[in-house]
Protein backbone atom coordinates (compact mmCIF):
# COMPACT_ATOMS: atom_id res chain seq x y z
CA MET A 1 13.60 6.83 6.37
CA SER A 2 14.65 4.70 9.27
CA ILE A 3 12.18 2.85 11.49
CA ALA A 4 12.95 5.36 14.26
CA ARG A 5 11.90 8.29 12.03
CA LEU A 6 8.85 6.46 10.70
CA THR A 7 7.58 5.66 14.19
CA ALA A 8 8.37 9.02 15.83
CA GLY A 9 5.10 10.38 17.20
CA ALA A 10 3.04 7.75 15.38
CA GLY A 11 1.75 5.92 18.44
CA ILE A 12 2.66 2.55 16.92
CA SER A 13 5.53 0.25 17.87
CA ARG A 14 8.65 -0.22 15.79
CA GLN A 15 7.85 -3.92 15.55
CA ALA A 16 4.42 -3.20 14.08
CA VAL A 17 5.83 -0.75 11.54
CA THR A 18 8.55 -3.23 10.58
CA LYS A 19 5.96 -5.96 10.07
CA HIS A 20 3.90 -3.72 7.78
CA LEU A 21 6.97 -2.58 5.86
CA ARG A 22 8.00 -6.18 5.20
CA VAL A 23 4.56 -6.89 3.72
CA LEU A 24 4.84 -3.77 1.55
CA GLU A 25 8.34 -4.84 0.51
CA ARG A 26 7.10 -8.27 -0.60
CA ALA A 27 4.44 -6.47 -2.65
CA GLY A 28 7.16 -4.33 -4.24
CA LEU A 29 5.81 -1.04 -2.87
CA VAL A 30 8.81 -0.18 -0.67
CA HIS A 31 12.50 -1.02 -0.73
CA SER A 32 14.91 -1.33 2.17
CA THR A 33 18.64 -0.76 2.25
CA PRO A 34 20.85 -1.71 5.19
CA ARG A 35 22.83 1.18 6.62
CA GLY A 36 24.89 0.37 9.68
CA ARG A 37 22.70 -1.20 12.36
CA GLU A 38 19.44 -0.01 10.79
CA ARG A 39 17.56 -0.24 7.53
CA LEU A 40 16.44 2.71 5.47
CA TRP A 41 13.06 2.38 3.78
CA GLN A 42 12.05 4.05 0.55
CA LEU A 43 8.70 4.20 -1.22
CA ARG A 44 8.63 2.91 -4.79
CA GLN A 45 6.36 5.54 -6.25
CA LYS A 46 6.11 3.93 -9.70
CA ARG A 47 4.90 0.65 -8.19
CA LEU A 48 2.44 2.53 -5.99
CA GLY A 49 1.08 4.27 -9.08
CA GLU A 50 0.71 0.91 -10.84
CA ALA A 51 -1.20 -0.47 -7.85
CA GLN A 52 -3.45 2.60 -7.82
CA ASN A 53 -4.17 2.23 -11.55
CA TYR A 54 -5.07 -1.42 -11.06
CA LEU A 55 -7.38 -0.63 -8.14
CA ASN A 56 -9.05 2.12 -10.20
CA LEU A 57 -9.67 -0.40 -12.99
CA ILE A 58 -11.25 -2.85 -10.55
CA SER A 59 -13.36 -0.03 -9.08
CA ARG A 60 -14.68 0.98 -12.51
CA LYS A 61 -15.57 -2.64 -13.33
CA LEU A 62 -17.36 -3.02 -10.01
CA ASP A 63 -19.27 0.24 -10.57
CA ARG A 64 -20.44 -0.98 -14.00
CA SER A 65 -21.49 -4.34 -12.56
CA LEU A 66 -23.41 -2.68 -9.74
CA SER A 67 -25.13 -0.35 -12.21
CA ARG A 68 -26.26 -3.34 -14.30
CA LEU A 69 -27.48 -5.12 -11.16
CA LYS A 70 -29.38 -2.01 -10.05
CA ALA A 71 -31.04 -1.68 -13.48
CA PHE A 72 -32.00 -5.36 -13.42
CA VAL A 73 -33.45 -5.19 -9.90
CA GLU A 74 -35.42 -2.01 -10.62
CA LYS A 75 -37.15 -3.52 -13.69
């Protein structure tokens, strides 16, 4: 999608959306392609899935650590 389509009805400026998209692009989660005077942005679903898997792994580790801490504190 173009920035114009992404910001339509969103209540956020084009500049703010562009800034966020550039961060996501550096992280490899979106890709931009120039088309005429604008850029088209596309989500990289595989990379998003990889990020989600990694965050799930961290979440499970944190849950286990908190469970051990809770058991220790309750003794």
